[in-house]
Amino acid sequence: MMTTCALLLCIAGGTAIYLASRQQTWLARSWPATARWVGALLCLGGLAAWIVADGGGVGTVAALSSLMLTWVSLPYLAWWRRASKVTS
């Protein structure tokens, strides 16, 4: 259960940071800058939850991996969403 919470916290934090970026392609307008701070706090909570669930080293690697997966997949999902709107 703690692993699921940690993963969801990292995904939510990474998504908030991504959507607050000027480089994001998901929305027409990016979220306000305060969303970056909220995202950072969610990421820190996810890191803490990963560390509690798996220990220091493994928890840190798991948190960074889940953040990396989030930040890599969101631009591709945004592209896929735009491409499916064009073809339908």
PDB file of N, CA and C in Angstrom:
ATOM      1  N   MET A   1       0.817  -1.189   0.000  1.00  0.00           N
ATOM      2  CA  MET A   1       0.000   0.000   0.000  1.00  0.00           C
ATOM      3  C   MET A   1       0.866   1.261   0.000  1.00  0.00           C
ATOM      4  N   MET A   2       1.951   1.239   0.752  1.00  0.00           N
ATOM      5  CA  MET A   2       2.833   2.399   0.813  1.00  0.00           C
ATOM      6  C   MET A   2       3.505   2.640  -0.535  1.00  0.00           C
ATOM      7  N   THR A   3       3.820   1.569  -1.237  1.00  0.00           N
ATOM      8  CA  THR A   3       4.440   1.703  -2.551  1.00  0.00           C
ATOM      9  C   THR A   3       3.481   2.366  -3.533  1.00  0.00           C
ATOM     10  N   THR A   4       2.224   2.000  -3.484  1.00  0.00           N
ATOM     11  CA  THR A   4       1.222   2.612  -4.363  1.00  0.00           C
ATOM     12  C   THR A   4       1.066   4.095  -4.052  1.00  0.00           C
ATOM     13  N   CYS A   5       1.016   4.437  -2.775  1.00  0.00           N
ATOM     14  CA  CYS A   5       0.923   5.847  -2.385  1.00  0.00           C
ATOM     15  C   CYS A   5       2.155   6.625  -2.844  1.00  0.00           C
ATOM     16  N   ALA A   6       3.328   6.028  -2.685  1.00  0.00           N
ATOM     17  CA  ALA A   6       4.560   6.691  -3.102  1.00  0.00           C
ATOM     18  C   ALA A   6       4.561   6.925  -4.604  1.00  0.00           C
ATOM     19  N   LEU A   7       4.152   5.916  -5.361  1.00  0.00           N
ATOM     20  CA  LEU A   7       4.103   6.049  -6.813  1.00  0.00           C
ATOM     21  C   LEU A   7       3.118   7.132  -7.229  1.00  0.00           C
ATOM     22  N   LEU A   8       1.936   7.143  -6.633  1.00  0.00           N
ATOM     23  CA  LEU A   8       0.933   8.150  -6.978  1.00  0.00           C
ATOM     24  C   LEU A   8       1.375   9.559  -6.596  1.00  0.00           C
ATOM     25  N   LEU A   9       2.058   9.701  -5.462  1.00  0.00           N
ATOM     26  CA  LEU A   9       2.576  11.012  -5.076  1.00  0.00           C
ATOM     27  C   LEU A   9       3.620  11.511  -6.082  1.00  0.00           C
ATOM     28  N   CYS A  10       4.509  10.639  -6.500  1.00  0.00           N
ATOM     29  CA  CYS A  10       5.528  11.031  -7.472  1.00  0.00           C
ATOM     30  C   CYS A  10       4.910  11.368  -8.830  1.00  0.00           C
ATOM     31  N   ILE A  11       3.931  10.590  -9.259  1.00  0.00           N
ATOM     32  CA  ILE A  11       3.270  10.872 -10.538  1.00  0.00           C
ATOM     33  C   ILE A  11       2.510  12.189 -10.462  1.00  0.00           C
ATOM     34  N   ALA A  12       1.796  12.426  -9.357  1.00  0.00           N
ATOM     35  CA  ALA A  12       1.053  13.679  -9.208  1.00  0.00           C
ATOM     36  C   ALA A  12       2.004  14.874  -9.149  1.00  0.00           C
ATOM     37  N   GLY A  13       3.104  14.735  -8.418  1.00  0.00           N
ATOM     38  CA  GLY A  13       4.073  15.824  -8.339  1.00  0.00           C
ATOM     39  C   GLY A  13       4.749  16.097  -9.670  1.00  0.00           C
ATOM     40  N   GLY A  14       5.142  15.048 -10.356  1.00  0.00           N
ATOM     41  CA  GLY A  14       5.758  15.218 -11.665  1.00  0.00           C
ATOM     42  C   GLY A  14       4.813  15.828 -12.676  1.00  0.00           C
ATOM     43  N   THR A  15       3.537  15.434 -12.613  1.00  0.00           N
ATOM     44  CA  THR A  15       2.538  15.999 -13.517  1.00  0.00           C
ATOM     45  C   THR A  15       2.312  17.475 -13.223  1.00  0.00           C
ATOM     46  N   ALA A  16       2.242  17.840 -11.956  1.00  0.00           N
ATOM     47  CA  ALA A  16       2.058  19.250 -11.601  1.00  0.00           C
ATOM     48  C   ALA A  16       3.237  20.093 -12.064  1.00  0.00           C
ATOM     49  N   ILE A  17       4.444  19.587 -11.894  1.00  0.00           N
ATOM     50  CA  ILE A  17       5.623  20.329 -12.344  1.00  0.00           C
ATOM     51  C   ILE A  17       5.623  20.449 -13.863  1.00  0.00           C
ATOM     52  N   TYR A  18       5.257  19.372 -14.554  1.00  0.00           N
ATOM     53  CA  TYR A  18       5.213  19.410 -16.015  1.00  0.00           C
ATOM     54  C   TYR A  18       4.169  20.408 -16.513  1.00  0.00           C
ATOM     55  N   LEU A  19       2.979  20.379 -15.934  1.00  0.00           N
ATOM     56  CA  LEU A  19       1.913  21.268 -16.404  1.00  0.00           C
ATOM     57  C   LEU A  19       2.163  22.729 -16.037  1.00  0.00           C
ATOM     58  N   ALA A  20       3.037  22.984 -15.089  1.00  0.00           N
ATOM     59  CA  ALA A  20       3.404  24.359 -14.751  1.00  0.00           C
ATOM     60  C   ALA A  20       4.556  24.876 -15.611  1.00  0.00           C
ATOM     61  N   SER A  21       5.131  24.017 -16.427  1.00  0.00           N
ATOM     62  CA  SER A  21       6.244  24.418 -17.284  1.00  0.00           C
ATOM     63  C   SER A  21       5.741  25.129 -18.538  1.00  0.00           C
ATOM     64  N   ARG A  22       6.511  26.074 -19.027  1.00  0.00           N
ATOM     65  CA  ARG A  22       6.152  26.748 -20.275  1.00  0.00           C
ATOM     66  C   ARG A  22       6.326  25.831 -21.471  1.00  0.00           C
ATOM     67  N   GLN A  23       7.091  24.768 -21.329  1.00  0.00           N
ATOM     68  CA  GLN A  23       7.357  23.846 -22.430  1.00  0.00           C
ATOM     69  C   GLN A  23       6.301  22.750 -22.576  1.00  0.00           C
ATOM     70  N   GLN A  24       5.347  22.693 -21.672  1.00  0.00           N
ATOM     71  CA  GLN A  24       4.349  21.632 -21.723  1.00  0.00           C
ATOM     72  C   GLN A  24       3.468  21.803 -22.955  1.00  0.00           C
ATOM     73  N   THR A  25       3.001  20.678 -23.486  1.00  0.00           N
ATOM     74  CA  THR A  25       2.161  20.699 -24.680  1.00  0.00           C
ATOM     75  C   THR A  25       0.780  20.109 -24.435  1.00  0.00           C
ATOM     76  N   TRP A  26       0.456  19.794 -23.198  1.00  0.00           N
ATOM     77  CA  TRP A  26      -0.812  19.157 -22.891  1.00  0.00           C
ATOM     78  C   TRP A  26      -1.956  20.172 -22.905  1.00  0.00           C
ATOM     79  N   LEU A  27      -1.742  21.330 -22.303  1.00  0.00           N
ATOM     80  CA  LEU A  27      -2.781  22.345 -22.172  1.00  0.00           C
ATOM     81  C   LEU A  27      -2.446  23.563 -23.030  1.00  0.00           C
ATOM     82  N   ALA A  28      -3.449  24.359 -23.301  1.00  0.00           N
ATOM     83  CA  ALA A  28      -3.213  25.587 -24.069  1.00  0.00           C
ATOM     84  C   ALA A  28      -2.400  26.595 -23.259  1.00  0.00           C
ATOM     85  N   ARG A  29      -2.603  26.635 -21.985  1.00  0.00           N
ATOM     86  CA  ARG A  29      -1.876  27.552 -21.110  1.00  0.00           C
ATOM     87  C   ARG A  29      -1.333  26.769 -19.922  1.00  0.00           C
ATOM     88  N   SER A  30      -0.110  27.047 -19.537  1.00  0.00           N
ATOM     89  CA  SER A  30       0.487  26.304 -18.421  1.00  0.00           C
ATOM     90  C   SER A  30      -0.120  26.752 -17.092  1.00  0.00           C
ATOM     91  N   TRP A  31       0.011  25.891 -16.102  1.00  0.00           N
ATOM     92  CA  TRP A  31      -0.482  26.196 -14.768  1.00  0.00           C
ATOM     93  C   TRP A  31       0.372  27.294 -14.145  1.00  0.00           C
ATOM     94  N   PRO A  32      -0.121  27.977 -13.108  1.00  0.00           N
ATOM     95  CA  PRO A  32       0.676  29.026 -12.463  1.00  0.00           C
ATOM     96  C   PRO A  32       1.916  28.454 -11.779  1.00  0.00           C
ATOM     97  N   ALA A  33       2.846  29.337 -11.489  1.00  0.00           N
ATOM     98  CA  ALA A  33       4.134  28.919 -10.916  1.00  0.00           C
ATOM     99  C   ALA A  33       3.978  28.255  -9.547  1.00  0.00           C
ATOM    100  N   THR A  34       2.914  28.558  -8.833  1.00  0.00           N
ATOM    101  CA  THR A  34       2.730  27.919  -7.526  1.00  0.00           C
ATOM    102  C   THR A  34       2.523  26.410  -7.664  1.00  0.00           C
ATOM    103  N   ALA A  35       2.064  25.979  -8.828  1.00  0.00           N
ATOM    104  CA  ALA A  35       1.895  24.533  -9.050  1.00  0.00           C
ATOM    105  C   ALA A  35       3.237  23.818  -9.021  1.00  0.00           C
ATOM    106  N   ARG A  36       4.314  24.516  -9.408  1.00  0.00           N
ATOM    107  CA  ARG A  36       5.652  23.901  -9.320  1.00  0.00           C
ATOM    108  C   ARG A  36       6.018  23.604  -7.873  1.00  0.00           C
ATOM    109  N   TRP A  37       5.687  24.533  -6.988  1.00  0.00           N
ATOM    110  CA  TRP A  37       5.992  24.315  -5.567  1.00  0.00           C
ATOM    111  C   TRP A  37       5.145  23.190  -4.991  1.00  0.00           C
ATOM    112  N   VAL A  38       3.898  23.153  -5.367  1.00  0.00           N
ATOM    113  CA  VAL A  38       3.031  22.057  -4.920  1.00  0.00           C
ATOM    114  C   VAL A  38       3.561  20.727  -5.463  1.00  0.00           C
ATOM    115  N   GLY A  39       3.961  20.726  -6.740  1.00  0.00           N
ATOM    116  CA  GLY A  39       4.531  19.525  -7.332  1.00  0.00           C
ATOM    117  C   GLY A  39       5.799  19.084  -6.633  1.00  0.00           C
ATOM    118  N   ALA A  40       6.644  20.052  -6.275  1.00  0.00           N
ATOM    119  CA  ALA A  40       7.880  19.717  -5.568  1.00  0.00           C
ATOM    120  C   ALA A  40       7.575  19.108  -4.197  1.00  0.00           C
ATOM    121  N   LEU A  41       6.583  19.643  -3.509  1.00  0.00           N
ATOM    122  CA  LEU A  41       6.201  19.070  -2.212  1.00  0.00           C
ATOM    123  C   LEU A  41       5.632  17.666  -2.363  1.00  0.00           C
ATOM    124  N   LEU A  42       4.839  17.463  -3.425  1.00  0.00           N
ATOM    125  CA  LEU A  42       4.331  16.113  -3.679  1.00  0.00           C
ATOM    126  C   LEU A  42       5.470  15.142  -3.991  1.00  0.00           C
ATOM    127  N   CYS A  43       6.454  15.605  -4.748  1.00  0.00           N
ATOM    128  CA  CYS A  43       7.618  14.758  -5.056  1.00  0.00           C
ATOM    129  C   CYS A  43       8.404  14.417  -3.800  1.00  0.00           C
ATOM    130  N   LEU A  44       8.571  15.389  -2.911  1.00  0.00           N
ATOM    131  CA  LEU A  44       9.265  15.113  -1.652  1.00  0.00           C
ATOM    132  C   LEU A  44       8.476  14.139  -0.788  1.00  0.00           C
ATOM    133  N   GLY A  45       7.157  14.279  -0.788  1.00  0.00           N
ATOM    134  CA  GLY A  45       6.324  13.307  -0.073  1.00  0.00           C
ATOM    135  C   GLY A  45       6.441  11.923  -0.677  1.00  0.00           C
ATOM    136  N   GLY A  46       6.487  11.862  -2.003  1.00  0.00           N
ATOM    137  CA  GLY A  46       6.681  10.573  -2.666  1.00  0.00           C
ATOM    138  C   GLY A  46       8.030   9.971  -2.343  1.00  0.00           C
ATOM    139  N   LEU A  47       9.068  10.814  -2.310  1.00  0.00           N
ATOM    140  CA  LEU A  47      10.402  10.336  -1.941  1.00  0.00           C
ATOM    141  C   LEU A  47      10.395   9.774  -0.523  1.00  0.00           C
ATOM    142  N   ALA A  48       9.767  10.501   0.390  1.00  0.00           N
ATOM    143  CA  ALA A  48       9.698  10.021   1.775  1.00  0.00           C
ATOM    144  C   ALA A  48       8.936   8.699   1.862  1.00  0.00           C
ATOM    145  N   ALA A  49       7.848   8.589   1.116  1.00  0.00           N
ATOM    146  CA  ALA A  49       7.076   7.348   1.140  1.00  0.00           C
ATOM    147  C   ALA A  49       7.867   6.192   0.537  1.00  0.00           C
ATOM    148  N   TRP A  50       8.608   6.462  -0.548  1.00  0.00           N
ATOM    149  CA  TRP A  50       9.449   5.410  -1.126  1.00  0.00           C
ATOM    150  C   TRP A  50      10.514   4.969  -0.132  1.00  0.00           C
ATOM    151  N   ILE A  51      11.108   5.918   0.570  1.00  0.00           N
ATOM    152  CA  ILE A  51      12.156   5.578   1.537  1.00  0.00           C
ATOM    153  C   ILE A  51      11.579   4.750   2.682  1.00  0.00           C
ATOM    154  N   VAL A  52      10.386   5.115   3.149  1.00  0.00           N
ATOM    155  CA  VAL A  52       9.750   4.333   4.215  1.00  0.00           C
ATOM    156  C   VAL A  52       9.441   2.925   3.724  1.00  0.00           C
ATOM    157  N   ALA A  53       8.978   2.817   2.479  1.00  0.00           N
ATOM    158  CA  ALA A  53       8.573   1.514   1.950  1.00  0.00           C
ATOM    159  C   ALA A  53       9.763   0.615   1.646  1.00  0.00           C
ATOM    160  N   ASP A  54      10.841   1.173   1.084  1.00  0.00           N
ATOM    161  CA  ASP A  54      11.920   0.329   0.563  1.00  0.00           C
ATOM    162  C   ASP A  54      13.303   0.613   1.124  1.00  0.00           C
ATOM    163  N   GLY A  55      13.470   1.621   1.927  1.00  0.00           N
ATOM    164  CA  GLY A  55      14.788   1.959   2.439  1.00  0.00           C
ATOM    165  C   GLY A  55      15.381   3.143   1.684  1.00  0.00           C
ATOM    166  N   GLY A  56      16.512   3.626   2.168  1.00  0.00           N
ATOM    167  CA  GLY A  56      17.105   4.852   1.643  1.00  0.00           C
ATOM    168  C   GLY A  56      17.550   4.805   0.197  1.00  0.00           C
ATOM    169  N   GLY A  57      18.416   3.869  -0.128  1.00  0.00           N
ATOM    170  CA  GLY A  57      18.962   3.808  -1.482  1.00  0.00           C
ATOM    171  C   GLY A  57      17.936   3.399  -2.513  1.00  0.00           C
ATOM    172  N   VAL A  58      17.239   2.326  -2.235  1.00  0.00           N
ATOM    173  CA  VAL A  58      16.238   1.820  -3.172  1.00  0.00           C
ATOM    174  C   VAL A  58      15.091   2.818  -3.300  1.00  0.00           C
ATOM    175  N   GLY A  59      14.686   3.437  -2.197  1.00  0.00           N
ATOM    176  CA  GLY A  59      13.609   4.419  -2.233  1.00  0.00           C
ATOM    177  C   GLY A  59      13.959   5.637  -3.068  1.00  0.00           C
ATOM    178  N   THR A  60      15.185   6.098  -2.958  1.00  0.00           N
ATOM    179  CA  THR A  60      15.621   7.247  -3.755  1.00  0.00           C
ATOM    180  C   THR A  60      15.630   6.902  -5.235  1.00  0.00           C
ATOM    181  N   VAL A  61      16.142   5.743  -5.577  1.00  0.00           N
ATOM    182  CA  VAL A  61      16.168   5.318  -6.982  1.00  0.00           C
ATOM    183  C   VAL A  61      14.748   5.124  -7.507  1.00  0.00           C
ATOM    184  N   ALA A  62      13.871   4.557  -6.700  1.00  0.00           N
ATOM    185  CA  ALA A  62      12.488   4.340  -7.126  1.00  0.00           C
ATOM    186  C   ALA A  62      11.774   5.673  -7.341  1.00  0.00           C
ATOM    187  N   ALA A  63      12.001   6.647  -6.457  1.00  0.00           N
ATOM    188  CA  ALA A  63      11.368   7.956  -6.610  1.00  0.00           C
ATOM    189  C   ALA A  63      11.870   8.654  -7.867  1.00  0.00           C
ATOM    190  N   LEU A  64      13.172   8.619  -8.094  1.00  0.00           N
ATOM    191  CA  LEU A  64      13.722   9.249  -9.293  1.00  0.00           C
ATOM    192  C   LEU A  64      13.256   8.532 -10.558  1.00  0.00           C
ATOM    193  N   SER A  65      13.143   7.222 -10.500  1.00  0.00           N
ATOM    194  CA  SER A  65      12.678   6.465 -11.666  1.00  0.00           C
ATOM    195  C   SER A  65      11.221   6.769 -11.982  1.00  0.00           C
ATOM    196  N   SER A  66      10.387   6.867 -10.953  1.00  0.00           N
ATOM    197  CA  SER A  66       8.984   7.172 -11.211  1.00  0.00           C
ATOM    198  C   SER A  66       8.803   8.600 -11.723  1.00  0.00           C
ATOM    199  N   LEU A  67       9.605   9.530 -11.228  1.00  0.00           N
ATOM    200  CA  LEU A  67       9.569  10.894 -11.763  1.00  0.00           C
ATOM    201  C   LEU A  67      10.045  10.921 -13.213  1.00  0.00           C
ATOM    202  N   MET A  68      11.109  10.204 -13.505  1.00  0.00           N
ATOM    203  CA  MET A  68      11.618  10.149 -14.865  1.00  0.00           C
ATOM    204  C   MET A  68      10.579   9.556 -15.806  1.00  0.00           C
ATOM    205  N   LEU A  69       9.938   8.477 -15.389  1.00  0.00           N
ATOM    206  CA  LEU A  69       8.908   7.862 -16.220  1.00  0.00           C
ATOM    207  C   LEU A  69       7.757   8.835 -16.478  1.00  0.00           C
ATOM    208  N   THR A  70       7.372   9.584 -15.463  1.00  0.00           N
ATOM    209  CA  THR A  70       6.302  10.570 -15.623  1.00  0.00           C
ATOM    210  C   THR A  70       6.707  11.655 -16.609  1.00  0.00           C
ATOM    211  N   TRP A  71       7.899  12.221 -16.436  1.00  0.00           N
ATOM    212  CA  TRP A  71       8.328  13.330 -17.282  1.00  0.00           C
ATOM    213  C   TRP A  71       8.633  12.900 -18.713  1.00  0.00           C
ATOM    214  N   VAL A  72       8.955  11.643 -18.917  1.00  0.00           N
ATOM    215  CA  VAL A  72       9.194  11.157 -20.277  1.00  0.00           C
ATOM    216  C   VAL A  72       7.867  10.838 -20.958  1.00  0.00           C
ATOM    217  N   SER A  73       6.918  10.265 -20.223  1.00  0.00           N
ATOM    218  CA  SER A  73       5.691   9.829 -20.880  1.00  0.00           C
ATOM    219  C   SER A  73       4.681  10.948 -21.120  1.00  0.00           C
ATOM    220  N   LEU A  74       4.658  11.998 -20.322  1.00  0.00           N
ATOM    221  CA  LEU A  74       3.659  13.049 -20.511  1.00  0.00           C
ATOM    222  C   LEU A  74       3.751  13.744 -21.870  1.00  0.00           C
ATOM    223  N   PRO A  75       4.924  14.113 -22.371  1.00  0.00           N
ATOM    224  CA  PRO A  75       4.958  14.714 -23.719  1.00  0.00           C
ATOM    225  C   PRO A  75       4.475  13.753 -24.807  1.00  0.00           C
ATOM    226  N   TYR A  76       4.804  12.480 -24.681  1.00  0.00           N
ATOM    227  CA  TYR A  76       4.325  11.508 -25.666  1.00  0.00           C
ATOM    228  C   TYR A  76       2.815  11.321 -25.579  1.00  0.00           C
ATOM    229  N   LEU A  77       2.260  11.311 -24.379  1.00  0.00           N
ATOM    230  CA  LEU A  77       0.810  11.210 -24.231  1.00  0.00           C
ATOM    231  C   LEU A  77       0.111  12.446 -24.794  1.00  0.00           C
ATOM    232  N   ALA A  78       0.710  13.620 -24.603  1.00  0.00           N
ATOM    233  CA  ALA A  78       0.134  14.842 -25.178  1.00  0.00           C
ATOM    234  C   ALA A  78       0.176  14.790 -26.697  1.00  0.00           C
ATOM    235  N   TRP A  79       1.267  14.300 -27.251  1.00  0.00           N
ATOM    236  CA  TRP A  79       1.368  14.165 -28.706  1.00  0.00           C
ATOM    237  C   TRP A  79       0.323  13.183 -29.226  1.00  0.00           C
ATOM    238  N   TRP A  80       0.168  12.053 -28.543  1.00  0.00           N
ATOM    239  CA  TRP A  80      -0.783  11.032 -28.959  1.00  0.00           C
ATOM    240  C   TRP A  80      -2.214  11.571 -28.881  1.00  0.00           C
ATOM    241  N   ARG A  81      -2.484  12.375 -27.853  1.00  0.00           N
ATOM    242  CA  ARG A  81      -3.806  12.978 -27.706  1.00  0.00           C
ATOM    243  C   ARG A  81      -4.105  13.937 -28.845  1.00  0.00           C
ATOM    244  N   ARG A  82      -3.138  14.757 -29.206  1.00  0.00           N
ATOM    245  CA  ARG A  82      -3.328  15.688 -30.334  1.00  0.00           C
ATOM    246  C   ARG A  82      -3.463  14.916 -31.646  1.00  0.00           C
ATOM    247  N   ALA A  83      -2.678  13.877 -31.827  1.00  0.00           N
ATOM    248  CA  ALA A  83      -2.732  13.104 -33.070  1.00  0.00           C
ATOM    249  C   ALA A  83      -4.069  12.386 -33.210  1.00  0.00           C
ATOM    250  N   SER A  84      -4.623  11.907 -32.120  1.00  0.00           N
ATOM    251  CA  SER A  84      -5.915  11.215 -32.206  1.00  0.00           C
ATOM    252  C   SER A  84      -7.056  12.185 -32.471  1.00  0.00           C
ATOM    253  N   LYS A  85      -6.922  13.450 -32.047  1.00  0.00           N
ATOM    254  CA  LYS A  85      -7.948  14.449 -32.350  1.00  0.00           C
ATOM    255  C   LYS A  85      -7.941  14.814 -33.824  1.00  0.00           C
ATOM    256  N   VAL A  86      -6.754  14.820 -34.438  1.00  0.00           N
ATOM    257  CA  VAL A  86      -6.631  15.177 -35.844  1.00  0.00           C
ATOM    258  C   VAL A  86      -7.232  14.091 -36.717  1.00  0.00           C
ATOM    259  N   THR A  87      -7.015  12.834 -36.392  1.00  0.00           N
ATOM    260  CA  THR A  87      -7.473  11.740 -37.240  1.00  0.00           C
ATOM    261  C   THR A  87      -8.960  11.432 -37.052  1.00  0.00           C
ATOM    262  N   SER A  88      -9.544  11.837 -35.933  1.00  0.00           N
ATOM    263  CA  SER A  88     -10.968  11.514 -35.732  1.00  0.00           C
ATOM    264  C   SER A  88     -11.884  12.627 -36.149  1.00  0.00           C
TER     265      SER A  88
END
